[in-house]
PDB file of N, CA and C in Angstrom:
ATOM      1  N   MET A   1     130.926 117.577  82.300  1.00  0.00           N
ATOM      2  CA  MET A   1     131.839 117.865  81.081  1.00  0.00           C
ATOM      3  C   MET A   1     130.857 118.283  80.208  1.00  0.00           C
ATOM      4  N   ARG A   2     131.596 119.203  80.263  1.00  0.00           N
ATOM      5  CA  ARG A   2     131.209 120.660  79.128  1.00  0.00           C
ATOM      6  C   ARG A   2     131.916 120.614  78.114  1.00  0.00           C
ATOM      7  N   VAL A   3     131.146 120.876  76.781  1.00  0.00           N
ATOM      8  CA  VAL A   3     131.778 121.002  75.461  1.00  0.00           C
ATOM      9  C   VAL A   3     131.524 122.078  74.992  1.00  0.00           C
ATOM     10  N   TRP A   4     132.610 122.973  74.335  1.00  0.00           N
ATOM     11  CA  TRP A   4     132.103 123.718  73.065  1.00  0.00           C
ATOM     12  C   TRP A   4     133.003 123.909  71.553  1.00  0.00           C
ATOM     13  N   GLU A   5     131.866 124.006  70.910  1.00  0.00           N
ATOM     14  CA  GLU A   5     131.774 123.161  69.391  1.00  0.00           C
ATOM     15  C   GLU A   5     132.236 124.483  68.884  1.00  0.00           C
ATOM     16  N   ARG A   6     133.429 124.946  68.035  1.00  0.00           N
ATOM     17  CA  ARG A   6     134.025 125.866  67.641  1.00  0.00           C
ATOM     18  C   ARG A   6     132.996 126.357  66.583  1.00  0.00           C
ATOM     19  N   GLY A   7     132.141 127.713  65.892  1.00  0.00           N
ATOM     20  CA  GLY A   7     131.340 127.770  65.587  1.00  0.00           C
ATOM     21  C   GLY A   7     129.986 128.017  65.591  1.00  0.00           C
ATOM     22  N   ALA A   8     129.718 126.947  66.910  1.00  0.00           N
ATOM     23  CA  ALA A   8     128.155 126.890  67.480  1.00  0.00           C
ATOM     24  C   ALA A   8     128.398 126.896  69.130  1.00  0.00           C
ATOM     25  N   GLY A   9     129.373 127.015  69.648  1.00  0.00           N
ATOM     26  CA  GLY A   9     129.302 127.440  71.148  1.00  0.00           C
ATOM     27  C   GLY A   9     128.898 126.480  72.076  1.00  0.00           C
ATOM     28  N   ALA A  10     128.463 126.498  73.278  1.00  0.00           N
ATOM     29  CA  ALA A  10     128.402 125.138  74.846  1.00  0.00           C
ATOM     30  C   ALA A  10     127.170 124.305  73.592  1.00  0.00           C
ATOM     31  N   THR A  11     127.497 123.143  73.478  1.00  0.00           N
ATOM     32  CA  THR A  11     126.331 122.123  73.001  1.00  0.00           C
ATOM     33  C   THR A  11     126.287 121.251  74.651  1.00  0.00           C
ATOM     34  N   LEU A  12     124.883 120.629  74.170  1.00  0.00           N
ATOM     35  CA  LEU A  12     124.138 119.776  75.566  1.00  0.00           C
ATOM     36  C   LEU A  12     125.365 118.868  75.799  1.00  0.00           C
ATOM     37  N   ALA A  13     125.759 117.623  74.504  1.00  0.00           N
ATOM     38  CA  ALA A  13     126.281 116.788  74.806  1.00  0.00           C
ATOM     39  C   ALA A  13     127.558 116.414  73.535  1.00  0.00           C
ATOM     40  N   CYS A  14     127.973 115.379  73.992  1.00  0.00           N
ATOM     41  CA  CYS A  14     129.126 114.808  73.044  1.00  0.00           C
ATOM     42  C   CYS A  14     129.461 113.418  73.278  1.00  0.00           C
ATOM     43  N   GLY A  15     129.363 112.625  72.763  1.00  0.00           N
ATOM     44  CA  GLY A  15     129.211 110.782  73.345  1.00  0.00           C
ATOM     45  C   GLY A  15     130.668 110.936  72.816  1.00  0.00           C
ATOM     46  N   THR A  16     131.052 110.936  72.095  1.00  0.00           N
ATOM     47  CA  THR A  16     132.871 111.045  71.234  1.00  0.00           C
ATOM     48  C   THR A  16     133.578 111.464  72.982  1.00  0.00           C
ATOM     49  N   GLY A  17     133.124 112.820  73.065  1.00  0.00           N
ATOM     50  CA  GLY A  17     134.184 113.396  74.187  1.00  0.00           C
ATOM     51  C   GLY A  17     133.613 113.028  75.307  1.00  0.00           C
ATOM     52  N   ALA A  18     132.809 112.488  75.832  1.00  0.00           N
ATOM     53  CA  ALA A  18     132.930 111.754  76.981  1.00  0.00           C
ATOM     54  C   ALA A  18     133.731 110.139  77.262  1.00  0.00           C
ATOM     55  N   CYS A  19     133.253 109.577  76.202  1.00  0.00           N
ATOM     56  CA  CYS A  19     134.492 108.215  75.670  1.00  0.00           C
ATOM     57  C   CYS A  19     135.859 108.513  76.250  1.00  0.00           C
ATOM     58  N   ALA A  20     135.838 109.663  75.272  1.00  0.00           N
ATOM     59  CA  ALA A  20     137.502 110.268  75.514  1.00  0.00           C
ATOM     60  C   ALA A  20     137.756 110.585  76.936  1.00  0.00           C
ATOM     61  N   VAL A  21     137.139 111.097  77.548  1.00  0.00           N
ATOM     62  CA  VAL A  21     137.171 111.849  78.940  1.00  0.00           C
ATOM     63  C   VAL A  21     138.050 110.358  79.480  1.00  0.00           C
ATOM     64  N   VAL A  22     136.806 109.587  79.705  1.00  0.00           N
ATOM     65  CA  VAL A  22     136.988 107.978  80.305  1.00  0.00           C
ATOM     66  C   VAL A  22     138.075 107.334  79.790  1.00  0.00           C
ATOM     67  N   VAL A  23     138.318 107.115  78.862  1.00  0.00           N
ATOM     68  CA  VAL A  23     139.547 106.527  78.534  1.00  0.00           C
ATOM     69  C   VAL A  23     140.953 107.383  79.220  1.00  0.00           C
ATOM     70  N   ALA A  24     141.133 108.283  79.170  1.00  0.00           N
ATOM     71  CA  ALA A  24     141.754 109.411  79.380  1.00  0.00           C
ATOM     72  C   ALA A  24     142.104 109.417  80.803  1.00  0.00           C
ATOM     73  N   ALA A  25     141.117 109.166  81.744  1.00  0.00           N
ATOM     74  CA  ALA A  25     140.625 109.409  83.313  1.00  0.00           C
ATOM     75  C   ALA A  25     140.928 107.874  83.400  1.00  0.00           C
ATOM     76  N   VAL A  26     140.728 106.900  83.121  1.00  0.00           N
ATOM     77  CA  VAL A  26     141.426 105.277  83.460  1.00  0.00           C
ATOM     78  C   VAL A  26     142.861 105.288  83.396  1.00  0.00           C
ATOM     79  N   LEU A  27     142.900 105.668  82.280  1.00  0.00           N
ATOM     80  CA  LEU A  27     145.442 105.489  82.061  1.00  0.00           C
ATOM     81  C   LEU A  27     145.440 106.462  82.625  1.00  0.00           C
ATOM     82  N   GLU A  28     145.121 108.128  84.025  1.00  0.00           N
ATOM     83  CA  GLU A  28     145.927 108.203  84.602  1.00  0.00           C
ATOM     84  C   GLU A  28     145.076 107.591  85.783  1.00  0.00           C
ATOM     85  N   GLY A  29     144.514 106.710  85.950  1.00  0.00           N
ATOM     86  CA  GLY A  29     144.467 106.622  87.464  1.00  0.00           C
ATOM     87  C   GLY A  29     143.301 106.907  87.698  1.00  0.00           C
ATOM     88  N   ARG A  30     142.677 107.901  87.627  1.00  0.00           N
ATOM     89  CA  ARG A  30     141.619 108.695  88.245  1.00  0.00           C
ATOM     90  C   ARG A  30     140.319 108.608  88.141  1.00  0.00           C
ATOM     91  N   ALA A  31     140.316 106.789  87.708  1.00  0.00           N
ATOM     92  CA  ALA A  31     138.034 106.868  86.918  1.00  0.00           C
ATOM     93  C   ALA A  31     138.525 105.412  87.281  1.00  0.00           C
ATOM     94  N   ASP A  32     137.770 104.606  87.379  1.00  0.00           N
ATOM     95  CA  ASP A  32     137.103 103.055  86.916  1.00  0.00           C
ATOM     96  C   ASP A  32     136.641 103.053  85.134  1.00  0.00           C
ATOM     97  N   ARG A  33     136.679 101.899  84.766  1.00  0.00           N
ATOM     98  CA  ARG A  33     136.131 101.915  83.565  1.00  0.00           C
ATOM     99  C   ARG A  33     134.447 101.855  83.304  1.00  0.00           C
ATOM    100  N   ASN A  34     133.900 102.285  84.576  1.00  0.00           N
ATOM    101  CA  ASN A  34     132.618 102.350  84.377  1.00  0.00           C
ATOM    102  C   ASN A  34     132.502 103.497  84.885  1.00  0.00           C
ATOM    103  N   CYS A  35     131.557 104.682  84.480  1.00  0.00           N
ATOM    104  CA  CYS A  35     131.847 105.743  84.707  1.00  0.00           C
ATOM    105  C   CYS A  35     130.504 106.527  84.546  1.00  0.00           C
ATOM    106  N   THR A  36     129.643 107.526  84.924  1.00  0.00           N
ATOM    107  CA  THR A  36     128.570 107.919  84.699  1.00  0.00           C
ATOM    108  C   THR A  36     129.475 109.503  84.489  1.00  0.00           C
ATOM    109  N   VAL A  37     129.531 109.975  83.473  1.00  0.00           N
ATOM    110  CA  VAL A  37     129.559 111.552  82.887  1.00  0.00           C
ATOM    111  C   VAL A  37     128.812 112.183  82.654  1.00  0.00           C
ATOM    112  N   GLU A  38     128.886 113.261  83.582  1.00  0.00           N
ATOM    113  CA  GLU A  38     127.673 114.251  83.415  1.00  0.00           C
ATOM    114  C   GLU A  38     127.586 115.111  82.467  1.00  0.00           C
ATOM    115  N   LEU A  39     127.049 115.726  81.302  1.00  0.00           N
ATOM    116  CA  LEU A  39     126.694 116.655  80.479  1.00  0.00           C
ATOM    117  C   LEU A  39     125.556 117.156  80.834  1.00  0.00           C
ATOM    118  N   PRO A  40     125.338 118.987  80.769  1.00  0.00           N
ATOM    119  CA  PRO A  40     124.124 119.859  80.577  1.00  0.00           C
ATOM    120  C   PRO A  40     122.741 118.993  79.922  1.00  0.00           C
ATOM    121  N   GLY A  41     122.824 118.240  78.777  1.00  0.00           N
ATOM    122  CA  GLY A  41     122.147 117.568  78.177  1.00  0.00           C
ATOM    123  C   GLY A  41     121.961 116.046  78.965  1.00  0.00           C
ATOM    124  N   GLY A  42     122.193 115.683  79.906  1.00  0.00           N
ATOM    125  CA  GLY A  42     121.954 114.836  80.721  1.00  0.00           C
ATOM    126  C   GLY A  42     123.460 113.762  80.883  1.00  0.00           C
ATOM    127  N   PRO A  43     122.990 112.794  81.454  1.00  0.00           N
ATOM    128  CA  PRO A  43     123.901 111.665  81.965  1.00  0.00           C
ATOM    129  C   PRO A  43     124.562 111.022  81.164  1.00  0.00           C
ATOM    130  N   LEU A  44     125.712 110.001  80.632  1.00  0.00           N
ATOM    131  CA  LEU A  44     126.149 109.269  79.910  1.00  0.00           C
ATOM    132  C   LEU A  44     126.751 108.318  80.478  1.00  0.00           C
ATOM    133  N   GLU A  45     126.816 106.591  79.991  1.00  0.00           N
ATOM    134  CA  GLU A  45     127.414 105.632  81.354  1.00  0.00           C
ATOM    135  C   GLU A  45     128.638 105.381  79.958  1.00  0.00           C
ATOM    136  N   ILE A  46     129.115 105.516  80.360  1.00  0.00           N
ATOM    137  CA  ILE A  46     130.497 104.924  79.846  1.00  0.00           C
ATOM    138  C   ILE A  46     131.122 103.930  80.434  1.00  0.00           C
ATOM    139  N   GLU A  47     131.435 102.662  79.604  1.00  0.00           N
ATOM    140  CA  GLU A  47     132.089 101.606  80.179  1.00  0.00           C
ATOM    141  C   GLU A  47     132.934 101.040  79.023  1.00  0.00           C
ATOM    142  N   TRP A  48     134.399 101.423  79.296  1.00  0.00           N
ATOM    143  CA  TRP A  48     135.910 100.836  78.274  1.00  0.00           C
ATOM    144  C   TRP A  48     135.501  99.438  79.204  1.00  0.00           C
ATOM    145  N   ARG A  49     135.664  98.543  78.533  1.00  0.00           N
ATOM    146  CA  ARG A  49     136.061  96.997  78.482  1.00  0.00           C
ATOM    147  C   ARG A  49     137.005  96.538  78.170  1.00  0.00           C
ATOM    148  N   GLU A  50     137.682  95.854  79.663  1.00  0.00           N
ATOM    149  CA  GLU A  50     138.945  95.646  79.735  1.00  0.00           C
ATOM    150  C   GLU A  50     139.217  94.219  78.623  1.00  0.00           C
ATOM    151  N   ASP A  51     138.207  93.656  78.654  1.00  0.00           N
ATOM    152  CA  ASP A  51     138.031  91.978  77.235  1.00  0.00           C
ATOM    153  C   ASP A  51     138.388  91.948  76.298  1.00  0.00           C
ATOM    154  N   ASN A  52     137.907  93.319  75.496  1.00  0.00           N
ATOM    155  CA  ASN A  52     137.658  93.617  74.142  1.00  0.00           C
ATOM    156  C   ASN A  52     138.166  95.000  74.126  1.00  0.00           C
ATOM    157  N   ASP A  53     139.098  95.538  74.890  1.00  0.00           N
ATOM    158  CA  ASP A  53     139.474  96.998  74.500  1.00  0.00           C
ATOM    159  C   ASP A  53     138.407  97.947  73.678  1.00  0.00           C
ATOM    160  N   HIS A  54     137.024  97.857  74.301  1.00  0.00           N
ATOM    161  CA  HIS A  54     136.024  98.495  73.092  1.00  0.00           C
ATOM    162  C   HIS A  54     134.828  99.251  74.421  1.00  0.00           C
ATOM    163  N   VAL A  55     134.947 100.553  73.457  1.00  0.00           N
ATOM    164  CA  VAL A  55     134.279 101.556  74.839  1.00  0.00           C
ATOM    165  C   VAL A  55     132.748 101.943  74.451  1.00  0.00           C
ATOM    166  N   TYR A  56     131.805 101.328  75.437  1.00  0.00           N
ATOM    167  CA  TYR A  56     130.528 101.289  75.436  1.00  0.00           C
ATOM    168  C   TYR A  56     129.964 102.885  75.877  1.00  0.00           C
ATOM    169  N   MET A  57     129.130 103.347  75.164  1.00  0.00           N
ATOM    170  CA  MET A  57     127.827 104.281  76.002  1.00  0.00           C
ATOM    171  C   MET A  57     126.854 104.146  75.712  1.00  0.00           C
ATOM    172  N   THR A  58     125.975 104.287  77.107  1.00  0.00           N
ATOM    173  CA  THR A  58     124.456 104.227  77.242  1.00  0.00           C
ATOM    174  C   THR A  58     123.777 105.882  77.378  1.00  0.00           C
ATOM    175  N   GLY A  59     122.853 106.151  76.994  1.00  0.00           N
ATOM    176  CA  GLY A  59     121.767 106.860  77.497  1.00  0.00           C
ATOM    177  C   GLY A  59     121.072 107.386  76.926  1.00  0.00           C
ATOM    178  N   PRO A  60     120.199 108.219  77.135  1.00  0.00           N
ATOM    179  CA  PRO A  60     119.139 108.535  76.483  1.00  0.00           C
ATOM    180  C   PRO A  60     119.027 109.633  75.205  1.00  0.00           C
ATOM    181  N   ALA A  61     117.934 109.578  74.397  1.00  0.00           N
ATOM    182  CA  ALA A  61     118.798 110.275  73.271  1.00  0.00           C
ATOM    183  C   ALA A  61     117.582 110.902  72.705  1.00  0.00           C
ATOM    184  N   GLU A  62     117.214 112.504  72.786  1.00  0.00           N
ATOM    185  CA  GLU A  62     116.218 113.247  72.594  1.00  0.00           C
ATOM    186  C   GLU A  62     116.240 113.977  71.221  1.00  0.00           C
ATOM    187  N   VAL A  63     114.660 114.421  71.008  1.00  0.00           N
ATOM    188  CA  VAL A  63     115.166 115.225  69.548  1.00  0.00           C
ATOM    189  C   VAL A  63     115.211 117.263  70.219  1.00  0.00           C
ATOM    190  N   VAL A  64     116.400 117.618  70.021  1.00  0.00           N
ATOM    191  CA  VAL A  64     116.256 118.993  70.772  1.00  0.00           C
ATOM    192  C   VAL A  64     116.408 120.088  69.006  1.00  0.00           C
ATOM    193  N   PHE A  65     116.221 119.713  68.061  1.00  0.00           N
ATOM    194  CA  PHE A  65     115.547 120.581  66.916  1.00  0.00           C
ATOM    195  C   PHE A  65     115.175 119.751  65.752  1.00  0.00           C
ATOM    196  N   HIS A  66     114.730 120.629  65.231  1.00  0.00           N
ATOM    197  CA  HIS A  66     113.698 120.261  63.534  1.00  0.00           C
ATOM    198  C   HIS A  66     114.375 121.336  62.623  1.00  0.00           C
ATOM    199  N   GLY A  67     114.433 121.374  61.887  1.00  0.00           N
ATOM    200  CA  GLY A  67     114.534 122.351  60.909  1.00  0.00           C
ATOM    201  C   GLY A  67     114.527 121.647  59.426  1.00  0.00           C
ATOM    202  N   MET A  68     114.819 122.516  58.413  1.00  0.00           N
ATOM    203  CA  MET A  68     114.871 122.383  57.057  1.00  0.00           C
ATOM    204  C   MET A  68     115.567 123.545  56.411  1.00  0.00           C
ATOM    205  N   VAL A  69     115.801 122.540  55.038  1.00  0.00           N
ATOM    206  CA  VAL A  69     116.898 123.566  54.751  1.00  0.00           C
ATOM    207  C   VAL A  69     116.350 122.771  52.980  1.00  0.00           C
ATOM    208  N   PRO A  70     116.683 124.166  52.962  1.00  0.00           N
ATOM    209  CA  PRO A  70     116.164 124.174  51.108  1.00  0.00           C
ATOM    210  C   PRO A  70     117.009 123.965  50.436  1.00  0.00           C
ATOM    211  N   LEU A  71     116.759 122.735  49.152  1.00  0.00           N
ATOM    212  CA  LEU A  71     117.787 122.190  47.896  1.00  0.00           C
ATOM    213  C   LEU A  71     117.456 123.128  46.770  1.00  0.00           C
TER     214      LEU A  71
END
């Protein structure tokens, strides 16, 4: 999956988008409820549980930016 954020351009990942893609794919009969979504920033494991209808995402978290904002 690739993500384009208006004003920022291409991003490395989007957990919300990855979860939405899996739910849509399951509803369309194109994927199982457990999937690996490949993103430029790395893979995310997405699980949409049938017993409670919750969507769970697991994957690595890494710092990709440091900055300061003057207040």
